[in-house]
């Protein structure tokens, strides 16, 4: 497979695949394709895995696209202004991704549920109890809200991240929460009660414009039918 990512911040990844090559995505992510791309809707692993994907923010069923009779082309567009990043998944390097972060992947990539082990990280860390885990082998594409900033943390090195800005990280990283120190900081600092702490070793992908932050920013300006 060859691919080209164009159009940032309204990004789309255009994939040129050989005959017989397979890509899968959640339903609704395909933007355009050549006529010889065959689509099949599948639970990809049965009801148990389908329900797990639903809890991770994805849909119950996935679409599988196969190039038939020769090379084909298919494009997947991001659902929100930002970036599309390429992840090379290997058995020794799985990735943890935010809910709804997965866009598309090769057949060898496995998508499953990842539960936060720390109760506090799940409740207060802004990522919820459940994230996505990409494992197996192959190329995967993920959505980043806004611009992507990548850090490579050494063992024991940490970075403090505000709620919602963590897009993805290597599975070797750990995530926990810390409280914002000082009563005045909590009441008037505008950063909430908690921050997320990500500790290496591994890569961390941060996003500059979480969709939840954007929604909160425009909410005061939305005129409801009750006003």
C-alpha atoms as a PDB file:
ATOM      1  CA  UNK A   1       0.000   0.000   0.000  1.00  0.00           C
ATOM      2  CA  UNK A   2       1.027   3.555  -0.775  1.00  0.00           C
ATOM      3  CA  UNK A   3      -0.658   6.530   0.852  1.00  0.00           C
ATOM      4  CA  UNK A   4      -0.677  10.309   0.708  1.00  0.00           C
ATOM      5  CA  UNK A   5      -2.079  12.626   3.406  1.00  0.00           C
ATOM      6  CA  UNK A   6      -3.274  15.967   2.042  1.00  0.00           C
ATOM      7  CA  UNK A   7      -5.489  18.903   2.956  1.00  0.00           C
ATOM      8  CA  UNK A   8      -4.481  19.737   6.537  1.00  0.00           C
ATOM      9  CA  UNK A   9      -6.311  20.962   8.576  1.00  0.00           C
ATOM     10  CA  UNK A  10      -9.190  19.302   6.667  1.00  0.00           C
ATOM     11  CA  UNK A  11      -7.146  16.153   6.224  1.00  0.00           C
ATOM     12  CA  UNK A  12      -7.739  13.118   4.051  1.00  0.00           C
ATOM     13  CA  UNK A  13      -5.535  10.066   3.512  1.00  0.00           C
ATOM     14  CA  UNK A  14      -5.600   8.657  -0.030  1.00  0.00           C
ATOM     15  CA  UNK A  15      -4.514   5.011  -0.197  1.00  0.00           C
ATOM     16  CA  UNK A  16      -3.376   3.195  -3.357  1.00  0.00           C
ATOM     17  CA  UNK A  17      -3.655  -0.541  -2.799  1.00  0.00           C
ATOM     18  CA  UNK A  18      -2.665  -3.598  -4.786  1.00  0.00           C
ATOM     19  CA  UNK A  19      -5.099  -6.297  -5.883  1.00  0.00           C
ATOM     20  CA  UNK A  20      -6.276  -8.308  -2.889  1.00  0.00           C
ATOM     21  CA  UNK A  21      -5.105  -5.759  -0.314  1.00  0.00           C
ATOM     22  CA  UNK A  22      -7.567  -5.026   2.485  1.00  0.00           C
ATOM     23  CA  UNK A  23      -8.243  -1.922   4.583  1.00  0.00           C
ATOM     24  CA  UNK A  24     -10.847  -1.571   7.305  1.00  0.00           C
ATOM     25  CA  UNK A  25     -12.496   1.415   8.920  1.00  0.00           C
ATOM     26  CA  UNK A  26     -15.513   2.304  10.991  1.00  0.00           C
ATOM     27  CA  UNK A  27     -18.694   2.878   8.991  1.00  0.00           C
ATOM     28  CA  UNK A  28     -18.996   6.330   7.478  1.00  0.00           C
ATOM     29  CA  UNK A  29     -15.249   7.095   7.228  1.00  0.00           C
ATOM     30  CA  UNK A  30     -14.822   6.256   3.532  1.00  0.00           C
ATOM     31  CA  UNK A  31     -14.827   9.410   1.400  1.00  0.00           C
ATOM     32  CA  UNK A  32     -14.272   8.117  -2.142  1.00  0.00           C
ATOM     33  CA  UNK A  33     -12.914   5.016  -3.864  1.00  0.00           C
ATOM     34  CA  UNK A  34     -12.334   3.363  -7.219  1.00  0.00           C
ATOM     35  CA  UNK A  35     -15.122   1.107  -8.554  1.00  0.00           C
ATOM     36  CA  UNK A  36     -13.180  -2.109  -7.936  1.00  0.00           C
ATOM     37  CA  UNK A  37     -13.042  -1.640  -4.155  1.00  0.00           C
ATOM     38  CA  UNK A  38     -15.441  -4.192  -2.653  1.00  0.00           C
ATOM     39  CA  UNK A  39     -17.068  -3.242   0.674  1.00  0.00           C
ATOM     40  CA  UNK A  40     -18.135  -5.765   3.314  1.00  0.00           C
ATOM     41  CA  UNK A  41     -19.632  -4.915   6.697  1.00  0.00           C
ATOM     42  CA  UNK A  42     -18.285  -7.106   9.485  1.00  0.00           C
ATOM     43  CA  UNK A  43     -18.208  -7.399  13.262  1.00  0.00           C
ATOM     44  CA  UNK A  44     -14.484  -8.283  12.898  1.00  0.00           C
ATOM     45  CA  UNK A  45     -14.138 -10.726  15.747  1.00  0.00           C
ATOM     46  CA  UNK A  46     -17.708 -11.435  16.783  1.00  0.00           C
ATOM     47  CA  UNK A  47     -20.240  -9.809  19.065  1.00  0.00           C
ATOM     48  CA  UNK A  48     -17.840  -9.512  22.034  1.00  0.00           C
ATOM     49  CA  UNK A  49     -15.281  -7.441  20.134  1.00  0.00           C
ATOM     50  CA  UNK A  50     -18.040  -5.393  18.502  1.00  0.00           C
ATOM     51  CA  UNK A  51     -19.472  -4.449  21.898  1.00  0.00           C
ATOM     52  CA  UNK A  52     -15.976  -3.625  23.126  1.00  0.00           C
ATOM     53  CA  UNK A  53     -15.473  -1.236  20.219  1.00  0.00           C
ATOM     54  CA  UNK A  54     -18.784   0.416  21.052  1.00  0.00           C
ATOM     55  CA  UNK A  55     -17.578   1.115  24.618  1.00  0.00           C
ATOM     56  CA  UNK A  56     -14.363   2.537  23.163  1.00  0.00           C
ATOM     57  CA  UNK A  57     -16.334   5.103  21.191  1.00  0.00           C
ATOM     58  CA  UNK A  58     -16.478   3.243  17.864  1.00  0.00           C
ATOM     59  CA  UNK A  59     -19.448   1.696  16.081  1.00  0.00           C
ATOM     60  CA  UNK A  60     -20.549  -1.910  16.440  1.00  0.00           C
ATOM     61  CA  UNK A  61     -19.602  -2.859  12.883  1.00  0.00           C
ATOM     62  CA  UNK A  62     -16.626  -2.081  10.680  1.00  0.00           C
ATOM     63  CA  UNK A  63     -16.346  -1.846   6.917  1.00  0.00           C
ATOM     64  CA  UNK A  64     -13.739  -3.895   5.090  1.00  0.00           C
ATOM     65  CA  UNK A  65     -12.569  -2.770   1.634  1.00  0.00           C
ATOM     66  CA  UNK A  66     -10.748  -5.113  -0.776  1.00  0.00           C
ATOM     67  CA  UNK A  67      -9.224  -4.223  -4.142  1.00  0.00           C
ATOM     68  CA  UNK A  68     -10.541  -6.710  -6.714  1.00  0.00           C
ATOM     69  CA  UNK A  69      -9.182  -7.440 -10.185  1.00  0.00           C
ATOM     70  CA  UNK A  70      -6.294  -5.006  -9.955  1.00  0.00           C
ATOM     71  CA  UNK A  71      -4.973  -1.982  -8.059  1.00  0.00           C
ATOM     72  CA  UNK A  72      -7.506   0.264  -6.359  1.00  0.00           C
ATOM     73  CA  UNK A  73      -7.745   3.557  -4.536  1.00  0.00           C
ATOM     74  CA  UNK A  74      -9.684   4.581  -1.440  1.00  0.00           C
ATOM     75  CA  UNK A  75      -9.703   7.745   0.671  1.00  0.00           C
ATOM     76  CA  UNK A  76     -10.586   8.323   4.329  1.00  0.00           C
ATOM     77  CA  UNK A  77     -11.272  11.845   5.591  1.00  0.00           C
ATOM     78  CA  UNK A  78     -10.971  13.106   9.165  1.00  0.00           C
ATOM     79  CA  UNK A  79     -14.245  13.987  10.896  1.00  0.00           C
ATOM     80  CA  UNK A  80     -12.878  17.170  12.507  1.00  0.00           C
ATOM     81  CA  UNK A  81     -10.299  19.802  11.485  1.00  0.00           C
ATOM     82  CA  UNK A  82      -6.853  18.590  12.461  1.00  0.00           C
ATOM     83  CA  UNK A  83      -4.213  16.050  11.473  1.00  0.00           C
ATOM     84  CA  UNK A  84      -4.019  12.444  10.338  1.00  0.00           C
ATOM     85  CA  UNK A  85      -1.047  10.532  11.748  1.00  0.00           C
ATOM     86  CA  UNK A  86       0.403   7.237  10.540  1.00  0.00           C
ATOM     87  CA  UNK A  87       1.190   4.536  13.102  1.00  0.00           C
ATOM     88  CA  UNK A  88       3.315   1.512  12.218  1.00  0.00           C
ATOM     89  CA  UNK A  89       1.907  -1.141  14.514  1.00  0.00           C
ATOM     90  CA  UNK A  90       4.077  -4.152  15.399  1.00  0.00           C
ATOM     91  CA  UNK A  91       3.577  -6.939  17.965  1.00  0.00           C
ATOM     92  CA  UNK A  92       6.181  -5.340  20.242  1.00  0.00           C
ATOM     93  CA  UNK A  93       4.866  -1.781  19.776  1.00  0.00           C
ATOM     94  CA  UNK A  94       1.090  -1.472  20.249  1.00  0.00           C
ATOM     95  CA  UNK A  95      -0.472   1.963  20.630  1.00  0.00           C
ATOM     96  CA  UNK A  96      -3.120   3.421  22.948  1.00  0.00           C
ATOM     97  CA  UNK A  97      -5.436   5.883  21.210  1.00  0.00           C
ATOM     98  CA  UNK A  98      -8.197   8.200  22.409  1.00  0.00           C
ATOM     99  CA  UNK A  99     -11.838   7.276  21.865  1.00  0.00           C
ATOM    100  CA  UNK A 100     -12.930   7.786  18.252  1.00  0.00           C
ATOM    101  CA  UNK A 101      -9.292   8.289  17.276  1.00  0.00           C
ATOM    102  CA  UNK A 102      -8.981   5.327  14.895  1.00  0.00           C
ATOM    103  CA  UNK A 103      -9.606   6.196  11.234  1.00  0.00           C
ATOM    104  CA  UNK A 104      -8.480   3.209   9.142  1.00  0.00           C
ATOM    105  CA  UNK A 105      -5.964   0.386   9.117  1.00  0.00           C
ATOM    106  CA  UNK A 106      -4.535  -2.586   7.278  1.00  0.00           C
ATOM    107  CA  UNK A 107      -5.955  -6.045   7.751  1.00  0.00           C
ATOM    108  CA  UNK A 108      -3.239  -7.103  10.224  1.00  0.00           C
ATOM    109  CA  UNK A 109      -4.062  -4.331  12.717  1.00  0.00           C
ATOM    110  CA  UNK A 110      -6.219  -5.408  15.660  1.00  0.00           C
ATOM    111  CA  UNK A 111      -8.422  -2.894  17.470  1.00  0.00           C
ATOM    112  CA  UNK A 112      -9.534  -3.669  21.015  1.00  0.00           C
ATOM    113  CA  UNK A 113     -10.617  -2.014  24.244  1.00  0.00           C
ATOM    114  CA  UNK A 114      -8.019  -0.662  26.662  1.00  0.00           C
ATOM    115  CA  UNK A 115      -9.137  -0.131  30.256  1.00  0.00           C
ATOM    116  CA  UNK A 116      -7.383   2.356  32.498  1.00  0.00           C
ATOM    117  CA  UNK A 117      -5.998   0.443  35.470  1.00  0.00           C
ATOM    118  CA  UNK A 118      -6.027   3.447  37.771  1.00  0.00           C
ATOM    119  CA  UNK A 119      -9.511   4.370  38.933  1.00  0.00           C
ATOM    120  CA  UNK A 120      -8.562   8.019  39.339  1.00  0.00           C
ATOM    121  CA  UNK A 121      -7.170   8.260  35.827  1.00  0.00           C
ATOM    122  CA  UNK A 122     -10.432   6.950  34.447  1.00  0.00           C
ATOM    123  CA  UNK A 123     -12.702   9.259  36.399  1.00  0.00           C
ATOM    124  CA  UNK A 124     -10.728  12.503  36.368  1.00  0.00           C
ATOM    125  CA  UNK A 125      -8.102  12.226  33.638  1.00  0.00           C
ATOM    126  CA  UNK A 126     -10.365  13.329  30.828  1.00  0.00           C
ATOM    127  CA  UNK A 127      -9.813  10.132  28.813  1.00  0.00           C
ATOM    128  CA  UNK A 128     -12.476   8.014  30.541  1.00  0.00           C
ATOM    129  CA  UNK A 129     -12.080   4.457  31.726  1.00  0.00           C
ATOM    130  CA  UNK A 130     -11.850   3.133  28.197  1.00  0.00           C
ATOM    131  CA  UNK A 131      -9.491   3.952  25.340  1.00  0.00           C
ATOM    132  CA  UNK A 132      -8.553   2.063  22.168  1.00  0.00           C
ATOM    133  CA  UNK A 133      -5.641  -0.324  21.756  1.00  0.00           C
ATOM    134  CA  UNK A 134      -4.119  -0.934  18.332  1.00  0.00           C
ATOM    135  CA  UNK A 135      -2.015  -4.089  18.163  1.00  0.00           C
ATOM    136  CA  UNK A 136      -0.978  -6.742  15.654  1.00  0.00           C
ATOM    137  CA  UNK A 137       0.982  -5.772  12.563  1.00  0.00           C
ATOM    138  CA  UNK A 138       0.417  -3.137   9.885  1.00  0.00           C
ATOM    139  CA  UNK A 139      -0.234   0.512   9.128  1.00  0.00           C
ATOM    140  CA  UNK A 140      -2.962   2.423  10.955  1.00  0.00           C
ATOM    141  CA  UNK A 141      -4.228   5.976  10.546  1.00  0.00           C
ATOM    142  CA  UNK A 142      -5.531   7.999  13.487  1.00  0.00           C
ATOM    143  CA  UNK A 143      -7.274  11.365  13.775  1.00  0.00           C
ATOM    144  CA  UNK A 144      -5.742  14.196  15.806  1.00  0.00           C
ATOM    145  CA  UNK A 145      -7.898  17.184  16.794  1.00  0.00           C
ATOM    146  CA  UNK A 146      -5.960  20.250  15.635  1.00  0.00           C
ATOM    147  CA  UNK A 147      -2.167  20.153  15.284  1.00  0.00           C
ATOM    148  CA  UNK A 148      -0.192  17.159  16.565  1.00  0.00           C
ATOM    149  CA  UNK A 149       2.810  17.609  18.874  1.00  0.00           C
ATOM    150  CA  UNK A 150       4.918  14.498  19.420  1.00  0.00           C
ATOM    151  CA  UNK A 151       7.207  13.871  22.400  1.00  0.00           C
ATOM    152  CA  UNK A 152       9.534  10.936  22.980  1.00  0.00           C
ATOM    153  CA  UNK A 153       9.753  10.358  26.724  1.00  0.00           C
ATOM    154  CA  UNK A 154      12.667   8.534  28.313  1.00  0.00           C
ATOM    155  CA  UNK A 155      12.081   5.970  31.057  1.00  0.00           C
ATOM    156  CA  UNK A 156      10.703   7.791  34.090  1.00  0.00           C
ATOM    157  CA  UNK A 157      10.306  11.090  32.229  1.00  0.00           C
ATOM    158  CA  UNK A 158       6.847  12.656  32.541  1.00  0.00           C
ATOM    159  CA  UNK A 159       4.716  15.313  30.925  1.00  0.00           C
ATOM    160  CA  UNK A 160       1.631  16.968  32.463  1.00  0.00           C
ATOM    161  CA  UNK A 161      -1.283  17.264  30.063  1.00  0.00           C
ATOM    162  CA  UNK A 162      -4.545  19.150  30.457  1.00  0.00           C
ATOM    163  CA  UNK A 163      -7.801  17.227  30.076  1.00  0.00           C
ATOM    164  CA  UNK A 164      -8.510  16.058  26.542  1.00  0.00           C
ATOM    165  CA  UNK A 165      -5.157  16.943  24.972  1.00  0.00           C
ATOM    166  CA  UNK A 166      -3.780  13.390  25.022  1.00  0.00           C
ATOM    167  CA  UNK A 167      -4.429  11.836  21.595  1.00  0.00           C
ATOM    168  CA  UNK A 168      -2.253   8.692  21.663  1.00  0.00           C
ATOM    169  CA  UNK A 169       0.737   7.091  23.332  1.00  0.00           C
ATOM    170  CA  UNK A 170       2.882   3.993  23.160  1.00  0.00           C
ATOM    171  CA  UNK A 171       1.559   1.160  25.293  1.00  0.00           C
ATOM    172  CA  UNK A 172       4.841   1.327  27.241  1.00  0.00           C
ATOM    173  CA  UNK A 173       3.745   4.676  28.697  1.00  0.00           C
ATOM    174  CA  UNK A 174       1.621   4.950  31.819  1.00  0.00           C
ATOM    175  CA  UNK A 175      -1.062   7.491  32.649  1.00  0.00           C
ATOM    176  CA  UNK A 176      -2.179   8.839  36.019  1.00  0.00           C
ATOM    177  CA  UNK A 177      -3.650  12.035  37.460  1.00  0.00           C
ATOM    178  CA  UNK A 178      -2.460  14.753  39.815  1.00  0.00           C
ATOM    179  CA  UNK A 179      -4.479  17.459  41.529  1.00  0.00           C
ATOM    180  CA  UNK A 180      -3.850  21.095  40.703  1.00  0.00           C
ATOM    181  CA  UNK A 181      -2.033  22.500  43.775  1.00  0.00           C
ATOM    182  CA  UNK A 182      -3.421  25.433  45.742  1.00  0.00           C
ATOM    183  CA  UNK A 183      -7.017  26.443  46.429  1.00  0.00           C
ATOM    184  CA  UNK A 184      -6.628  29.723  44.515  1.00  0.00           C
ATOM    185  CA  UNK A 185      -5.272  27.886  41.488  1.00  0.00           C
ATOM    186  CA  UNK A 186      -8.215  25.508  41.551  1.00  0.00           C
ATOM    187  CA  UNK A 187     -10.856  28.228  41.969  1.00  0.00           C
ATOM    188  CA  UNK A 188      -9.465  30.883  39.641  1.00  0.00           C
ATOM    189  CA  UNK A 189      -6.872  29.201  37.417  1.00  0.00           C
ATOM    190  CA  UNK A 190      -9.410  27.903  34.900  1.00  0.00           C
ATOM    191  CA  UNK A 191      -7.639  24.537  34.560  1.00  0.00           C
ATOM    192  CA  UNK A 192      -9.996  22.427  36.656  1.00  0.00           C
ATOM    193  CA  UNK A 193      -9.145  20.150  39.563  1.00  0.00           C
ATOM    194  CA  UNK A 194      -6.927  17.576  37.861  1.00  0.00           C
ATOM    195  CA  UNK A 195      -4.274  17.122  35.196  1.00  0.00           C
ATOM    196  CA  UNK A 196      -3.148  13.990  33.395  1.00  0.00           C
ATOM    197  CA  UNK A 197       0.442  12.789  33.879  1.00  0.00           C
ATOM    198  CA  UNK A 198       1.957  10.585  31.187  1.00  0.00           C
ATOM    199  CA  UNK A 199       5.213   8.811  32.070  1.00  0.00           C
ATOM    200  CA  UNK A 200       7.645   7.153  29.648  1.00  0.00           C
ATOM    201  CA  UNK A 201       9.307   5.357  28.107  1.00  0.00           C
ATOM    202  CA  UNK A 202       7.575   5.917  24.789  1.00  0.00           C
ATOM    203  CA  UNK A 203       6.053   8.360  22.349  1.00  0.00           C
ATOM    204  CA  UNK A 204       3.215  10.693  23.278  1.00  0.00           C
ATOM    205  CA  UNK A 205       0.983  12.407  20.719  1.00  0.00           C
ATOM    206  CA  UNK A 206      -0.754  15.563  21.942  1.00  0.00           C
ATOM    207  CA  UNK A 207      -3.476  17.520  20.145  1.00  0.00           C
ATOM    208  CA  UNK A 208      -3.947  21.280  20.198  1.00  0.00           C
ATOM    209  CA  UNK A 209      -7.707  21.498  19.645  1.00  0.00           C
ATOM    210  CA  UNK A 210      -9.715  18.759  21.418  1.00  0.00           C
ATOM    211  CA  UNK A 211     -13.238  18.626  20.069  1.00  0.00           C
ATOM    212  CA  UNK A 212     -14.593  18.729  23.628  1.00  0.00           C
ATOM    213  CA  UNK A 213     -12.776  22.027  24.248  1.00  0.00           C
ATOM    214  CA  UNK A 214     -14.122  23.504  21.026  1.00  0.00           C
ATOM    215  CA  UNK A 215     -17.663  22.459  21.960  1.00  0.00           C
ATOM    216  CA  UNK A 216     -17.292  24.097  25.375  1.00  0.00           C
ATOM    217  CA  UNK A 217     -15.964  27.310  23.826  1.00  0.00           C
ATOM    218  CA  UNK A 218     -18.866  27.799  21.413  1.00  0.00           C
ATOM    219  CA  UNK A 219     -21.631  26.625  23.742  1.00  0.00           C
ATOM    220  CA  UNK A 220     -22.252  30.118  25.269  1.00  0.00           C
ATOM    221  CA  UNK A 221     -22.819  31.518  21.781  1.00  0.00           C
ATOM    222  CA  UNK A 222     -25.386  28.928  20.699  1.00  0.00           C
ATOM    223  CA  UNK A 223     -28.921  30.288  20.889  1.00  0.00           C
ATOM    224  CA  UNK A 224     -31.300  27.568  22.014  1.00  0.00           C
ATOM    225  CA  UNK A 225     -34.991  27.401  21.280  1.00  0.00           C
ATOM    226  CA  UNK A 226     -35.711  28.211  24.925  1.00  0.00           C
ATOM    227  CA  UNK A 227     -34.202  31.719  24.666  1.00  0.00           C
END
